[in-house]
Amino acid sequence: MTGSRPRLALLGGALLLLAAGCAQATSSTPGDTPAPDLAADQVAIRVAYTGGFVGPGVTLTRLPLLAIYGDGRVFNEGPIPAIYPGPALPNLQISQITPGDVAKLVDRAVTAGVGKKTDFGQPGIADAASTRFTVLTPTGLQTTEVYALQEAQDGGLTADQRAAREKFKGLLADLTDLDATLGVHLQPKPYTADRVAAISFEYNADGQLPQQKEMTWPGPALPGEIVGGGQVRCVAVTGADAKAVLDAAAQANQMTPWKSGGKRWNVTFRPLLPGEEDCASLAQAQ
């Protein structure tokens, strides 16, 4: 199964289980900043899409729009070639800011209202995704989720609800344009993960495409274990197997048939970011 890969690491199972639903969040005080001893592999800020009318494989494999770690590492997905079928691997990129800038961005997010209970209204749009903002502060994990943040127009919303949405649109713009927000010139580089999750379904060829070259799967047997409470199967690949899988995937596309266990599989790849251990951690982030 393939699908679009909306855009950016997750906080780890225990923290992510605390994430609240739409417009439900823990209280916070503007001015909070990261604790000085924030660990390098702790996610300070994460912005991600959640939900929406997409296949279960897509919800499991999409990257956050943005993930900023305690040591200033910034992860996001870069441009993808406008071709079909697209590359098998997402264009995962990494750049670097200072821990001081991380503190400024956390303060910006908390000041904007992440962690406060806010009424964003319920726009009359079906099957849209929500935008989830997650921030780690000394007082704990703060989360706010806004349904149809980008899609919603003014219809059916009060003036206060529109103002609340505009504030979070501004926050999203600030976090996804760090050059302008911080006055820096980031130089993103491709990020090579040391582990990858592979979500697979029995191969279903696109009849409009020429026959695709079959490749032999070099990792643990597909399709892996069921995750996420549905019929999605996933296998986490680590160590030497991960390098072999990633090297092979770099030569493949989204419709490449992979042969494993005497069957052919469609495979969607999700490089695991720091703090993401396995397929279960991806499922917990949804």
C-alpha atoms as a PDB file:
ATOM      1  CA  MET A   1       0.000   0.000   0.000  1.00  0.00           C
ATOM      2  CA  THR A   2       1.248   3.471  -0.810  1.00  0.00           C
ATOM      3  CA  GLY A   3       0.058   6.909   0.002  1.00  0.00           C
ATOM      4  CA  SER A   4       1.095  10.483   0.220  1.00  0.00           C
ATOM      5  CA  ARG A   5       3.519  11.247   2.961  1.00  0.00           C
ATOM      6  CA  PRO A   6       2.359  14.359   4.725  1.00  0.00           C
ATOM      7  CA  ARG A   7       5.003  16.309   6.420  1.00  0.00           C
ATOM      8  CA  LEU A   8       8.105  15.987  10.503  1.00  0.00           C
ATOM      9  CA  ALA A   9      10.138  12.288  16.009  1.00  0.00           C
ATOM     10  CA  LEU A  10       8.168  11.371  18.667  1.00  0.00           C
ATOM     11  CA  LEU A  11       8.365  11.706  22.386  1.00  0.00           C
ATOM     12  CA  GLY A  12       8.509   8.047  23.322  1.00  0.00           C
ATOM     13  CA  GLY A  13       5.720   5.806  24.472  1.00  0.00           C
ATOM     14  CA  ALA A  14       5.220   7.046  28.031  1.00  0.00           C
ATOM     15  CA  LEU A  15       5.063  10.729  27.111  1.00  0.00           C
ATOM     16  CA  LEU A  16       2.945  10.282  23.997  1.00  0.00           C
ATOM     17  CA  LEU A  17       0.241   8.459  25.928  1.00  0.00           C
ATOM     18  CA  LEU A  18      -0.351  11.769  27.716  1.00  0.00           C
ATOM     19  CA  ALA A  19      -1.259  13.613  24.512  1.00  0.00           C
ATOM     20  CA  ALA A  20      -4.708  15.135  24.704  1.00  0.00           C
ATOM     21  CA  GLY A  21      -7.563  15.184  22.174  1.00  0.00           C
ATOM     22  CA  CYS A  22      -8.664  18.112  20.058  1.00  0.00           C
ATOM     23  CA  ALA A  23      -8.439  21.351  22.036  1.00  0.00           C
ATOM     24  CA  GLN A  24      -7.967  19.395  25.282  1.00  0.00           C
ATOM     25  CA  ALA A  25      -4.667  20.101  27.010  1.00  0.00           C
ATOM     26  CA  THR A  26      -2.991  20.450  30.331  1.00  0.00           C
ATOM     27  CA  SER A  27      -2.539  23.877  31.830  1.00  0.00           C
ATOM     28  CA  SER A  28       0.626  25.851  31.365  1.00  0.00           C
ATOM     29  CA  THR A  29       2.086  29.230  32.139  1.00  0.00           C
ATOM     30  CA  PRO A  30       3.478  31.464  29.353  1.00  0.00           C
ATOM     31  CA  GLY A  31       7.179  31.931  29.853  1.00  0.00           C
ATOM     32  CA  ASP A  32       8.007  28.276  30.531  1.00  0.00           C
ATOM     33  CA  THR A  33      11.252  27.182  28.887  1.00  0.00           C
ATOM     34  CA  PRO A  34      13.000  23.807  28.600  1.00  0.00           C
ATOM     35  CA  ALA A  35      14.765  22.527  31.664  1.00  0.00           C
ATOM     36  CA  PRO A  36      18.533  23.127  31.454  1.00  0.00           C
ATOM     37  CA  ASP A  37      19.174  19.398  31.654  1.00  0.00           C
ATOM     38  CA  LEU A  38      16.844  18.489  28.771  1.00  0.00           C
ATOM     39  CA  ALA A  39      18.354  15.332  27.304  1.00  0.00           C
ATOM     40  CA  ALA A  40      19.731  15.378  23.777  1.00  0.00           C
ATOM     41  CA  ASP A  41      17.255  12.722  22.609  1.00  0.00           C
ATOM     42  CA  GLN A  42      14.202  14.306  24.251  1.00  0.00           C
ATOM     43  CA  VAL A  43      11.816  15.999  21.855  1.00  0.00           C
ATOM     44  CA  ALA A  44      11.296  19.592  22.932  1.00  0.00           C
ATOM     45  CA  ILE A  45       8.800  20.504  20.201  1.00  0.00           C
ATOM     46  CA  ARG A  46       6.871  18.308  17.815  1.00  0.00           C
ATOM     47  CA  VAL A  47       4.283  19.304  15.238  1.00  0.00           C
ATOM     48  CA  ALA A  48       2.476  16.546  13.392  1.00  0.00           C
ATOM     49  CA  TYR A  49      -0.691  15.704  11.532  1.00  0.00           C
ATOM     50  CA  THR A  50      -2.955  13.174  13.149  1.00  0.00           C
ATOM     51  CA  GLY A  51      -6.126  11.507  11.915  1.00  0.00           C
ATOM     52  CA  GLY A  52      -7.789  12.440   8.653  1.00  0.00           C
ATOM     53  CA  PHE A  53      -9.196  10.314   5.848  1.00  0.00           C
ATOM     54  CA  VAL A  54      -6.098   8.319   4.987  1.00  0.00           C
ATOM     55  CA  GLY A  55      -5.221   4.655   5.035  1.00  0.00           C
ATOM     56  CA  PRO A  56      -3.937   3.072   8.256  1.00  0.00           C
ATOM     57  CA  GLY A  57      -0.525   2.539   6.677  1.00  0.00           C
ATOM     58  CA  VAL A  58      -0.253   6.272   6.043  1.00  0.00           C
ATOM     59  CA  THR A  59      -1.110   7.251   9.611  1.00  0.00           C
ATOM     60  CA  LEU A  60       1.609   4.935  10.878  1.00  0.00           C
ATOM     61  CA  THR A  61       4.335   6.049   8.489  1.00  0.00           C
ATOM     62  CA  ARG A  62       3.903   9.787   8.075  1.00  0.00           C
ATOM     63  CA  LEU A  63       6.678  11.932   9.484  1.00  0.00           C
ATOM     64  CA  PRO A  64       6.135  14.884  11.784  1.00  0.00           C
ATOM     65  CA  LEU A  65       6.042  18.277  10.128  1.00  0.00           C
ATOM     66  CA  LEU A  66       8.746  19.265  12.578  1.00  0.00           C
ATOM     67  CA  ALA A  67      10.625  17.683  15.476  1.00  0.00           C
ATOM     68  CA  ILE A  68      13.124  19.659  17.556  1.00  0.00           C
ATOM     69  CA  TYR A  69      15.300  17.886  20.115  1.00  0.00           C
ATOM     70  CA  GLY A  70      16.891  19.118  23.318  1.00  0.00           C
ATOM     71  CA  ASP A  71      20.333  19.387  21.728  1.00  0.00           C
ATOM     72  CA  GLY A  72      18.992  21.553  18.884  1.00  0.00           C
ATOM     73  CA  ARG A  73      18.632  18.923  16.180  1.00  0.00           C
ATOM     74  CA  VAL A  74      15.744  19.730  13.856  1.00  0.00           C
ATOM     75  CA  PHE A  75      14.095  17.045  11.716  1.00  0.00           C
ATOM     76  CA  ASN A  76      11.663  17.574   8.889  1.00  0.00           C
ATOM     77  CA  GLU A  77      10.782  16.132   5.518  1.00  0.00           C
ATOM     78  CA  GLY A  78      12.296  17.948   2.558  1.00  0.00           C
ATOM     79  CA  PRO A  79      10.970  18.313  -0.993  1.00  0.00           C
ATOM     80  CA  ILE A  80       9.860  15.167  -2.801  1.00  0.00           C
ATOM     81  CA  PRO A  81      10.118  14.803  -6.607  1.00  0.00           C
ATOM     82  CA  ALA A  82       6.757  15.277  -8.328  1.00  0.00           C
ATOM     83  CA  ILE A  83       6.876  11.899 -10.045  1.00  0.00           C
ATOM     84  CA  TYR A  84       4.803   8.737  -9.862  1.00  0.00           C
ATOM     85  CA  PRO A  85       5.683   6.377  -8.444  1.00  0.00           C
ATOM     86  CA  GLY A  86       7.768   8.434  -6.062  1.00  0.00           C
ATOM     87  CA  PRO A  87      10.939   7.364  -4.257  1.00  0.00           C
ATOM     88  CA  ALA A  88      10.545   4.569  -1.733  1.00  0.00           C
ATOM     89  CA  LEU A  89      12.262   6.567   1.001  1.00  0.00           C
ATOM     90  CA  PRO A  90      11.101   9.937   2.334  1.00  0.00           C
ATOM     91  CA  ASN A  91      13.458  12.885   2.048  1.00  0.00           C
ATOM     92  CA  LEU A  92      14.225  13.101   5.761  1.00  0.00           C
ATOM     93  CA  GLN A  93      16.459  16.048   6.616  1.00  0.00           C
ATOM     94  CA  ILE A  94      18.304  17.280   9.678  1.00  0.00           C
ATOM     95  CA  SER A  95      19.544  20.745  10.623  1.00  0.00           C
ATOM     96  CA  GLN A  96      20.914  22.301  13.797  1.00  0.00           C
ATOM     97  CA  ILE A  97      19.970  25.181  16.059  1.00  0.00           C
ATOM     98  CA  THR A  98      21.340  26.101  19.490  1.00  0.00           C
ATOM     99  CA  PRO A  99      19.832  24.953  22.802  1.00  0.00           C
ATOM    100  CA  GLY A 100      19.141  28.624  23.468  1.00  0.00           C
ATOM    101  CA  ASP A 101      17.055  28.790  20.321  1.00  0.00           C
ATOM    102  CA  VAL A 102      15.205  25.668  21.427  1.00  0.00           C
ATOM    103  CA  ALA A 103      14.282  27.532  24.633  1.00  0.00           C
ATOM    104  CA  LYS A 104      13.039  30.523  22.623  1.00  0.00           C
ATOM    105  CA  LEU A 105      10.837  28.314  20.459  1.00  0.00           C
ATOM    106  CA  VAL A 106       9.368  26.492  23.447  1.00  0.00           C
ATOM    107  CA  ASP A 107       8.596  29.852  25.045  1.00  0.00           C
ATOM    108  CA  ARG A 108       7.005  30.992  21.760  1.00  0.00           C
ATOM    109  CA  ALA A 109       4.813  27.894  21.642  1.00  0.00           C
ATOM    110  CA  VAL A 110       3.680  28.157  25.261  1.00  0.00           C
ATOM    111  CA  THR A 111       2.985  31.873  24.876  1.00  0.00           C
ATOM    112  CA  ALA A 112       0.856  31.076  21.808  1.00  0.00           C
ATOM    113  CA  GLY A 113      -1.258  28.824  23.988  1.00  0.00           C
ATOM    114  CA  VAL A 114       0.044  25.283  23.617  1.00  0.00           C
ATOM    115  CA  GLY A 115      -1.181  23.494  26.712  1.00  0.00           C
ATOM    116  CA  LYS A 116      -4.119  25.814  27.366  1.00  0.00           C
ATOM    117  CA  LYS A 117      -7.701  24.655  26.949  1.00  0.00           C
ATOM    118  CA  THR A 118      -8.878  26.593  23.894  1.00  0.00           C
ATOM    119  CA  ASP A 119     -12.100  26.600  21.888  1.00  0.00           C
ATOM    120  CA  PHE A 120     -11.191  26.287  18.197  1.00  0.00           C
ATOM    121  CA  GLY A 121     -14.714  25.489  17.072  1.00  0.00           C
ATOM    122  CA  GLN A 122     -15.743  22.641  14.812  1.00  0.00           C
ATOM    123  CA  PRO A 123     -15.581  23.706  11.166  1.00  0.00           C
ATOM    124  CA  GLY A 124     -17.920  21.993   8.723  1.00  0.00           C
ATOM    125  CA  ILE A 125     -15.162  20.048   6.996  1.00  0.00           C
ATOM    126  CA  ALA A 126     -15.193  16.266   6.906  1.00  0.00           C
ATOM    127  CA  ASP A 127     -12.223  13.904   7.134  1.00  0.00           C
ATOM    128  CA  ALA A 128      -9.520  16.558   7.582  1.00  0.00           C
ATOM    129  CA  ALA A 129      -6.438  15.958   9.687  1.00  0.00           C
ATOM    130  CA  SER A 130      -5.725  17.691  12.962  1.00  0.00           C
ATOM    131  CA  THR A 131      -2.479  19.527  13.650  1.00  0.00           C
ATOM    132  CA  ARG A 132      -0.995  18.462  16.975  1.00  0.00           C
ATOM    133  CA  PHE A 133       1.470  20.748  18.777  1.00  0.00           C
ATOM    134  CA  THR A 134       3.470  19.085  21.561  1.00  0.00           C
ATOM    135  CA  VAL A 135       5.928  20.933  23.780  1.00  0.00           C
ATOM    136  CA  LEU A 136       8.036  19.664  26.689  1.00  0.00           C
ATOM    137  CA  THR A 137       8.458  22.188  29.504  1.00  0.00           C
ATOM    138  CA  PRO A 138       9.704  21.968  33.096  1.00  0.00           C
ATOM    139  CA  THR A 139       6.068  21.606  34.196  1.00  0.00           C
ATOM    140  CA  GLY A 140       5.531  18.624  31.908  1.00  0.00           C
ATOM    141  CA  LEU A 141       4.212  17.763  28.487  1.00  0.00           C
ATOM    142  CA  GLN A 142       1.919  20.366  26.930  1.00  0.00           C
ATOM    143  CA  THR A 143      -0.264  19.461  23.952  1.00  0.00           C
ATOM    144  CA  THR A 144      -2.841  21.219  21.813  1.00  0.00           C
ATOM    145  CA  GLU A 145      -4.597  19.750  18.797  1.00  0.00           C
ATOM    146  CA  VAL A 146      -6.471  21.782  16.176  1.00  0.00           C
ATOM    147  CA  TYR A 147      -8.812  20.131  13.695  1.00  0.00           C
ATOM    148  CA  ALA A 148      -8.589  21.308  10.051  1.00  0.00           C
ATOM    149  CA  LEU A 149      -6.215  24.130  10.973  1.00  0.00           C
ATOM    150  CA  GLN A 150      -5.201  24.888   7.400  1.00  0.00           C
ATOM    151  CA  GLU A 151      -8.427  23.959   5.635  1.00  0.00           C
ATOM    152  CA  ALA A 152     -11.027  25.731   7.787  1.00  0.00           C
ATOM    153  CA  GLN A 153     -12.529  28.975   6.530  1.00  0.00           C
ATOM    154  CA  ASP A 154     -14.549  31.478   8.533  1.00  0.00           C
ATOM    155  CA  GLY A 155     -17.941  29.816   8.056  1.00  0.00           C
ATOM    156  CA  GLY A 156     -19.550  28.504  11.228  1.00  0.00           C
ATOM    157  CA  LEU A 157     -16.849  29.854  13.560  1.00  0.00           C
ATOM    158  CA  THR A 158     -17.130  32.650  16.085  1.00  0.00           C
ATOM    159  CA  ALA A 159     -14.766  35.607  16.127  1.00  0.00           C
ATOM    160  CA  ASP A 160     -12.941  34.151  19.152  1.00  0.00           C
ATOM    161  CA  GLN A 161     -12.587  30.761  17.488  1.00  0.00           C
ATOM    162  CA  ARG A 162     -11.209  32.357  14.329  1.00  0.00           C
ATOM    163  CA  ALA A 163      -8.754  34.393  16.409  1.00  0.00           C
ATOM    164  CA  ALA A 164      -7.579  31.271  18.253  1.00  0.00           C
ATOM    165  CA  ARG A 165      -7.019  29.488  14.954  1.00  0.00           C
ATOM    166  CA  GLU A 166      -5.104  32.429  13.506  1.00  0.00           C
ATOM    167  CA  LYS A 167      -2.804  32.420  16.537  1.00  0.00           C
ATOM    168  CA  PHE A 168      -1.933  28.767  15.924  1.00  0.00           C
ATOM    169  CA  LYS A 169      -1.554  29.306  12.193  1.00  0.00           C
ATOM    170  CA  GLY A 170       1.009  31.938  13.102  1.00  0.00           C
ATOM    171  CA  LEU A 171       2.753  29.530  15.455  1.00  0.00           C
ATOM    172  CA  LEU A 172       2.842  26.877  12.738  1.00  0.00           C
ATOM    173  CA  ALA A 173       4.330  29.389  10.303  1.00  0.00           C
ATOM    174  CA  ASP A 174       6.977  30.428  12.841  1.00  0.00           C
ATOM    175  CA  LEU A 175       7.989  26.835  13.600  1.00  0.00           C
ATOM    176  CA  THR A 176       8.198  25.787   9.962  1.00  0.00           C
ATOM    177  CA  ASP A 177      10.250  28.822   8.915  1.00  0.00           C
ATOM    178  CA  LEU A 178      13.023  28.822  11.488  1.00  0.00           C
ATOM    179  CA  ASP A 179      15.311  30.940   9.321  1.00  0.00           C
ATOM    180  CA  ALA A 180      12.913  33.868   9.584  1.00  0.00           C
ATOM    181  CA  THR A 181      11.822  33.173  13.161  1.00  0.00           C
ATOM    182  CA  LEU A 182      15.326  32.815  14.612  1.00  0.00           C
ATOM    183  CA  GLY A 183      17.238  34.980  12.159  1.00  0.00           C
ATOM    184  CA  VAL A 184      19.472  32.086  11.150  1.00  0.00           C
ATOM    185  CA  HIS A 185      20.412  30.330   7.937  1.00  0.00           C
ATOM    186  CA  LEU A 186      19.870  26.631   8.434  1.00  0.00           C
ATOM    187  CA  GLN A 187      21.546  24.205   6.084  1.00  0.00           C
ATOM    188  CA  PRO A 188      19.499  20.987   6.127  1.00  0.00           C
ATOM    189  CA  LYS A 189      21.301  17.775   5.226  1.00  0.00           C
ATOM    190  CA  PRO A 190      19.948  14.330   4.396  1.00  0.00           C
ATOM    191  CA  TYR A 191      19.523  12.216   7.503  1.00  0.00           C
ATOM    192  CA  THR A 192      20.469   8.545   7.391  1.00  0.00           C
ATOM    193  CA  ALA A 193      18.588   6.649  10.066  1.00  0.00           C
ATOM    194  CA  ASP A 194      20.097   3.629  11.825  1.00  0.00           C
ATOM    195  CA  ARG A 195      16.733   1.866  12.021  1.00  0.00           C
ATOM    196  CA  VAL A 196      13.618   1.800   9.870  1.00  0.00           C
ATOM    197  CA  ALA A 197      10.053   0.549  10.107  1.00  0.00           C
ATOM    198  CA  ALA A 198       8.593  -1.286   7.116  1.00  0.00           C
ATOM    199  CA  ILE A 199       4.819  -1.463   6.707  1.00  0.00           C
ATOM    200  CA  SER A 200       3.756  -4.041   4.139  1.00  0.00           C
ATOM    201  CA  PHE A 201       0.641  -5.264   2.347  1.00  0.00           C
ATOM    202  CA  GLU A 202       0.286  -8.010  -0.218  1.00  0.00           C
ATOM    203  CA  TYR A 203       1.383  -6.599  -3.554  1.00  0.00           C
ATOM    204  CA  ASN A 204      -1.235  -4.800  -5.597  1.00  0.00           C
ATOM    205  CA  ALA A 205       0.128  -3.541  -8.891  1.00  0.00           C
ATOM    206  CA  ASP A 206      -1.075  -0.319 -10.496  1.00  0.00           C
ATOM    207  CA  GLY A 207      -2.474  -1.463 -13.838  1.00  0.00           C
ATOM    208  CA  GLN A 208      -1.602   1.867 -15.437  1.00  0.00           C
ATOM    209  CA  LEU A 209       2.105   1.471 -14.716  1.00  0.00           C
ATOM    210  CA  PRO A 210       4.640  -0.571 -16.638  1.00  0.00           C
ATOM    211  CA  GLN A 211       5.668  -3.714 -14.797  1.00  0.00           C
ATOM    212  CA  GLN A 212       7.957  -2.794 -11.925  1.00  0.00           C
ATOM    213  CA  LYS A 213      11.269  -4.493 -11.269  1.00  0.00           C
ATOM    214  CA  GLU A 214      10.980  -6.979  -8.415  1.00  0.00           C
ATOM    215  CA  MET A 215      13.491  -6.745  -5.570  1.00  0.00           C
ATOM    216  CA  THR A 216      14.454  -9.309  -2.956  1.00  0.00           C
ATOM    217  CA  TRP A 217      13.722  -8.161   0.571  1.00  0.00           C
ATOM    218  CA  PRO A 218      17.033  -8.058   2.529  1.00  0.00           C
ATOM    219  CA  GLY A 219      15.614  -7.654   6.036  1.00  0.00           C
ATOM    220  CA  PRO A 220      13.577  -9.643   8.569  1.00  0.00           C
ATOM    221  CA  ALA A 221      10.714 -11.590   7.020  1.00  0.00           C
ATOM    222  CA  LEU A 222       7.692  -9.605   5.884  1.00  0.00           C
ATOM    223  CA  PRO A 223       4.993  -8.738   6.757  1.00  0.00           C
ATOM    224  CA  GLY A 224       5.859  -8.504  10.473  1.00  0.00           C
ATOM    225  CA  GLU A 225       3.523  -8.133  13.462  1.00  0.00           C
ATOM    226  CA  ILE A 226       0.112  -6.462  13.559  1.00  0.00           C
ATOM    227  CA  VAL A 227       0.297  -3.005  15.150  1.00  0.00           C
ATOM    228  CA  GLY A 228      -2.165  -0.250  15.882  1.00  0.00           C
ATOM    229  CA  GLY A 229      -5.198  -2.437  16.529  1.00  0.00           C
ATOM    230  CA  GLY A 230      -5.994  -2.964  12.842  1.00  0.00           C
ATOM    231  CA  GLN A 231      -4.624  -5.099  10.064  1.00  0.00           C
ATOM    232  CA  VAL A 232      -1.456  -3.083   9.516  1.00  0.00           C
ATOM    233  CA  ARG A 233       1.678  -5.182   9.754  1.00  0.00           C
ATOM    234  CA  CYS A 234       5.034  -3.696  10.534  1.00  0.00           C
ATOM    235  CA  VAL A 235       8.581  -4.877  11.070  1.00  0.00           C
ATOM    236  CA  ALA A 236      11.318  -2.762  12.671  1.00  0.00           C
ATOM    237  CA  VAL A 237      14.722  -3.248  11.074  1.00  0.00           C
ATOM    238  CA  THR A 238      17.887  -2.437  13.015  1.00  0.00           C
ATOM    239  CA  GLY A 239      21.641  -2.972  12.867  1.00  0.00           C
ATOM    240  CA  ALA A 240      23.225  -4.388   9.729  1.00  0.00           C
ATOM    241  CA  ASP A 241      19.799  -5.341   8.395  1.00  0.00           C
ATOM    242  CA  ALA A 242      18.750  -1.682   8.509  1.00  0.00           C
ATOM    243  CA  LYS A 243      21.679  -0.627   6.340  1.00  0.00           C
ATOM    244  CA  ALA A 244      20.894  -3.367   3.818  1.00  0.00           C
ATOM    245  CA  VAL A 245      17.212  -2.416   3.714  1.00  0.00           C
ATOM    246  CA  LEU A 246      17.892   1.306   3.386  1.00  0.00           C
ATOM    247  CA  ASP A 247      20.481   0.738   0.662  1.00  0.00           C
ATOM    248  CA  ALA A 248      18.010  -1.388  -1.282  1.00  0.00           C
ATOM    249  CA  ALA A 249      15.135   1.051  -0.724  1.00  0.00           C
ATOM    250  CA  ALA A 250      17.271   3.860  -2.144  1.00  0.00           C
ATOM    251  CA  GLN A 251      17.118   1.996  -5.476  1.00  0.00           C
ATOM    252  CA  ALA A 252      13.358   1.387  -5.304  1.00  0.00           C
ATOM    253  CA  ASN A 253      10.131   3.332  -5.696  1.00  0.00           C
ATOM    254  CA  GLN A 254       6.750   3.291  -3.950  1.00  0.00           C
ATOM    255  CA  MET A 255       5.404   0.598  -6.302  1.00  0.00           C
ATOM    256  CA  THR A 256       8.413  -1.729  -6.237  1.00  0.00           C
ATOM    257  CA  PRO A 257       7.346  -5.324  -5.483  1.00  0.00           C
ATOM    258  CA  TRP A 258       9.429  -6.834  -2.689  1.00  0.00           C
ATOM    259  CA  LYS A 259       9.771 -10.612  -2.544  1.00  0.00           C
ATOM    260  CA  SER A 260       9.788 -12.207   0.916  1.00  0.00           C
ATOM    261  CA  GLY A 261       8.556 -15.610   2.110  1.00  0.00           C
ATOM    262  CA  GLY A 262       7.461 -16.630  -1.358  1.00  0.00           C
ATOM    263  CA  LYS A 263       5.104 -13.626  -1.699  1.00  0.00           C
ATOM    264  CA  ARG A 264       5.300 -10.127  -3.143  1.00  0.00           C
ATOM    265  CA  TRP A 265       4.713  -7.095  -0.962  1.00  0.00           C
ATOM    266  CA  ASN A 266       4.089  -3.381  -1.235  1.00  0.00           C
ATOM    267  CA  VAL A 267       6.318  -1.748   1.386  1.00  0.00           C
ATOM    268  CA  THR A 268       6.159   1.736   2.855  1.00  0.00           C
ATOM    269  CA  PHE A 269       9.289   2.846   4.703  1.00  0.00           C
ATOM    270  CA  ARG A 270       9.400   5.032   7.803  1.00  0.00           C
ATOM    271  CA  PRO A 271      12.897   5.880   9.073  1.00  0.00           C
ATOM    272  CA  LEU A 272      12.850   5.889  12.861  1.00  0.00           C
ATOM    273  CA  LEU A 273      13.992   9.097  14.521  1.00  0.00           C
ATOM    274  CA  PRO A 274      15.920   9.327  17.791  1.00  0.00           C
ATOM    275  CA  GLY A 275      13.709   8.083  20.599  1.00  0.00           C
ATOM    276  CA  GLU A 276      11.581   5.959  18.272  1.00  0.00           C
ATOM    277  CA  GLU A 277      12.383   2.359  19.049  1.00  0.00           C
ATOM    278  CA  ASP A 278      10.038   0.180  17.016  1.00  0.00           C
ATOM    279  CA  CYS A 279       6.681  -0.134  15.255  1.00  0.00           C
ATOM    280  CA  ALA A 280       4.777   0.065  18.539  1.00  0.00           C
ATOM    281  CA  SER A 281       6.193   3.503  19.263  1.00  0.00           C
ATOM    282  CA  LEU A 282       4.844   4.736  15.916  1.00  0.00           C
ATOM    283  CA  ALA A 283       1.420   3.334  16.716  1.00  0.00           C
ATOM    284  CA  GLN A 284       1.418   5.057  20.121  1.00  0.00           C
ATOM    285  CA  ALA A 285       2.054   8.414  18.453  1.00  0.00           C
ATOM    286  CA  GLN A 286      -1.203   8.303  16.470  1.00  0.00           C
END
